[in-house]
């Protein structure tokens, strides 16, 4: 998660709440990652925590996003989340992309 994503998640889902990412659609070519605010993880969700921000990944989403970084943008239309490629480790100080925990 980037620091921006951490800040936004803590703002919109404070405390033990978090952002839940899950895959919708049945066929791999039409699968989409969906986002919702959740009170906690479900079943076998993978929990990622960074600086008090929680992300809950259902298994298919965890597989798809394992090597990605979650970012966020806030503008006049609201909050938008984006998934980007992870930068190589050691690319710079305090890279939030490496701040994930299982």
C-alpha atoms as a PDB file:
ATOM      1  CA  UNK A   1       0.000   0.000   0.000  1.00  0.00           C
ATOM      2  CA  UNK A   2       1.139   3.500  -0.660  1.00  0.00           C
ATOM      3  CA  UNK A   3       1.013   6.047   2.150  1.00  0.00           C
ATOM      4  CA  UNK A   4      -1.883   7.739   0.339  1.00  0.00           C
ATOM      5  CA  UNK A   5      -3.849   4.470   0.304  1.00  0.00           C
ATOM      6  CA  UNK A   6      -3.082   3.906   3.991  1.00  0.00           C
ATOM      7  CA  UNK A   7      -4.342   7.382   4.895  1.00  0.00           C
ATOM      8  CA  UNK A   8      -7.521   7.043   2.817  1.00  0.00           C
ATOM      9  CA  UNK A   9      -8.331   3.568   4.161  1.00  0.00           C
ATOM     10  CA  UNK A  10      -7.883   4.721   7.771  1.00  0.00           C
ATOM     11  CA  UNK A  11     -10.173   7.672   7.036  1.00  0.00           C
ATOM     12  CA  UNK A  12     -13.004   5.750   5.330  1.00  0.00           C
ATOM     13  CA  UNK A  13     -12.716   2.525   7.374  1.00  0.00           C
ATOM     14  CA  UNK A  14     -11.403   3.402  10.841  1.00  0.00           C
ATOM     15  CA  UNK A  15     -10.606   1.028  13.672  1.00  0.00           C
ATOM     16  CA  UNK A  16     -10.878  -2.665  12.890  1.00  0.00           C
ATOM     17  CA  UNK A  17     -12.823  -1.992   9.692  1.00  0.00           C
ATOM     18  CA  UNK A  18     -11.026  -2.149   6.381  1.00  0.00           C
ATOM     19  CA  UNK A  19     -11.166  -2.341   2.651  1.00  0.00           C
ATOM     20  CA  UNK A  20     -12.161  -5.734   1.219  1.00  0.00           C
ATOM     21  CA  UNK A  21     -11.038  -6.667  -2.276  1.00  0.00           C
ATOM     22  CA  UNK A  22     -12.702  -9.561  -4.044  1.00  0.00           C
ATOM     23  CA  UNK A  23     -12.898 -10.948  -7.554  1.00  0.00           C
ATOM     24  CA  UNK A  24     -16.215 -10.907  -9.372  1.00  0.00           C
ATOM     25  CA  UNK A  25     -17.038 -12.763 -12.551  1.00  0.00           C
ATOM     26  CA  UNK A  26     -16.582 -16.408 -13.273  1.00  0.00           C
ATOM     27  CA  UNK A  27     -14.389 -16.609 -16.352  1.00  0.00           C
ATOM     28  CA  UNK A  28     -10.763 -15.426 -16.029  1.00  0.00           C
ATOM     29  CA  UNK A  29     -11.092 -13.123 -19.048  1.00  0.00           C
ATOM     30  CA  UNK A  30     -13.975 -11.196 -17.441  1.00  0.00           C
ATOM     31  CA  UNK A  31     -12.873 -11.194 -13.803  1.00  0.00           C
ATOM     32  CA  UNK A  32     -12.747  -7.808 -12.102  1.00  0.00           C
ATOM     33  CA  UNK A  33     -11.439  -6.842  -8.698  1.00  0.00           C
ATOM     34  CA  UNK A  34     -14.167  -5.153  -6.654  1.00  0.00           C
ATOM     35  CA  UNK A  35     -13.743  -3.029  -3.526  1.00  0.00           C
ATOM     36  CA  UNK A  36     -16.026  -2.582  -0.515  1.00  0.00           C
ATOM     37  CA  UNK A  37     -15.734  -1.305   3.037  1.00  0.00           C
ATOM     38  CA  UNK A  38     -15.954  -4.225   5.456  1.00  0.00           C
ATOM     39  CA  UNK A  39     -16.272  -4.609   9.214  1.00  0.00           C
ATOM     40  CA  UNK A  40     -13.664  -7.370   9.119  1.00  0.00           C
ATOM     41  CA  UNK A  41     -12.314 -10.240   7.061  1.00  0.00           C
ATOM     42  CA  UNK A  42     -14.528 -13.037   5.809  1.00  0.00           C
ATOM     43  CA  UNK A  43     -13.735 -16.739   6.005  1.00  0.00           C
ATOM     44  CA  UNK A  44     -10.339 -17.323   4.446  1.00  0.00           C
ATOM     45  CA  UNK A  45      -9.545 -13.697   3.547  1.00  0.00           C
ATOM     46  CA  UNK A  46      -5.889 -12.731   3.709  1.00  0.00           C
ATOM     47  CA  UNK A  47      -5.400  -9.738   6.023  1.00  0.00           C
ATOM     48  CA  UNK A  48      -2.881  -7.050   5.110  1.00  0.00           C
ATOM     49  CA  UNK A  49      -2.180  -4.321   7.667  1.00  0.00           C
ATOM     50  CA  UNK A  50      -0.014  -1.243   7.303  1.00  0.00           C
ATOM     51  CA  UNK A  51       0.156   1.557   9.870  1.00  0.00           C
ATOM     52  CA  UNK A  52      -3.363   0.810  11.149  1.00  0.00           C
ATOM     53  CA  UNK A  53      -4.998   0.434   7.715  1.00  0.00           C
ATOM     54  CA  UNK A  54      -6.572  -2.957   7.013  1.00  0.00           C
ATOM     55  CA  UNK A  55      -7.112  -4.633   3.658  1.00  0.00           C
ATOM     56  CA  UNK A  56      -8.944  -7.947   3.432  1.00  0.00           C
ATOM     57  CA  UNK A  57      -8.243  -9.987   0.297  1.00  0.00           C
ATOM     58  CA  UNK A  58     -10.442 -12.906  -0.670  1.00  0.00           C
ATOM     59  CA  UNK A  59      -8.269 -15.766  -1.991  1.00  0.00           C
ATOM     60  CA  UNK A  60      -8.686 -15.069  -5.735  1.00  0.00           C
ATOM     61  CA  UNK A  61      -7.972 -11.353  -5.195  1.00  0.00           C
ATOM     62  CA  UNK A  62      -4.918 -12.221  -3.075  1.00  0.00           C
ATOM     63  CA  UNK A  63      -3.580 -14.384  -5.909  1.00  0.00           C
ATOM     64  CA  UNK A  64      -4.177 -11.697  -8.541  1.00  0.00           C
ATOM     65  CA  UNK A  65      -2.719  -8.875  -6.434  1.00  0.00           C
ATOM     66  CA  UNK A  66       0.147 -10.624  -4.669  1.00  0.00           C
ATOM     67  CA  UNK A  67       2.859  -8.672  -6.508  1.00  0.00           C
ATOM     68  CA  UNK A  68       0.940  -5.367  -6.758  1.00  0.00           C
ATOM     69  CA  UNK A  69       0.672  -2.121  -4.775  1.00  0.00           C
ATOM     70  CA  UNK A  70      -2.616  -0.480  -3.780  1.00  0.00           C
ATOM     71  CA  UNK A  71      -2.776   3.293  -4.289  1.00  0.00           C
ATOM     72  CA  UNK A  72      -5.579   5.815  -3.793  1.00  0.00           C
ATOM     73  CA  UNK A  73      -6.574   9.181  -5.214  1.00  0.00           C
ATOM     74  CA  UNK A  74      -9.120  11.556  -3.688  1.00  0.00           C
ATOM     75  CA  UNK A  75     -10.697  14.199  -5.894  1.00  0.00           C
ATOM     76  CA  UNK A  76     -13.998  16.054  -6.256  1.00  0.00           C
ATOM     77  CA  UNK A  77     -15.643  12.828  -7.486  1.00  0.00           C
ATOM     78  CA  UNK A  78     -14.581  10.801  -4.447  1.00  0.00           C
ATOM     79  CA  UNK A  79     -11.984   8.156  -3.735  1.00  0.00           C
ATOM     80  CA  UNK A  80     -10.486   6.020  -6.491  1.00  0.00           C
ATOM     81  CA  UNK A  81      -8.234   3.050  -5.864  1.00  0.00           C
ATOM     82  CA  UNK A  82      -5.634   1.857  -8.327  1.00  0.00           C
ATOM     83  CA  UNK A  83      -3.449  -1.232  -8.439  1.00  0.00           C
ATOM     84  CA  UNK A  84       0.063  -0.698  -9.747  1.00  0.00           C
ATOM     85  CA  UNK A  85       3.198  -2.749 -10.215  1.00  0.00           C
ATOM     86  CA  UNK A  86       5.454  -3.080  -7.193  1.00  0.00           C
ATOM     87  CA  UNK A  87       8.762  -1.267  -7.443  1.00  0.00           C
ATOM     88  CA  UNK A  88      11.920  -3.269  -6.905  1.00  0.00           C
ATOM     89  CA  UNK A  89      12.994  -3.352  -3.270  1.00  0.00           C
ATOM     90  CA  UNK A  90      15.685  -0.885  -2.416  1.00  0.00           C
ATOM     91  CA  UNK A  91      14.422   1.616  -4.993  1.00  0.00           C
ATOM     92  CA  UNK A  92      14.133   4.361  -2.430  1.00  0.00           C
ATOM     93  CA  UNK A  93      13.631   5.187   1.212  1.00  0.00           C
ATOM     94  CA  UNK A  94      10.261   4.558   2.810  1.00  0.00           C
ATOM     95  CA  UNK A  95       8.683   2.982  -0.244  1.00  0.00           C
ATOM     96  CA  UNK A  96       5.197   2.163   0.988  1.00  0.00           C
ATOM     97  CA  UNK A  97       4.872  -0.586  -1.620  1.00  0.00           C
ATOM     98  CA  UNK A  98       6.923  -2.798   0.641  1.00  0.00           C
ATOM     99  CA  UNK A  99       4.756  -2.156   3.694  1.00  0.00           C
ATOM    100  CA  UNK A 100       2.530  -5.207   3.515  1.00  0.00           C
ATOM    101  CA  UNK A 101       2.171  -7.891   6.118  1.00  0.00           C
ATOM    102  CA  UNK A 102       0.366 -11.213   6.099  1.00  0.00           C
END
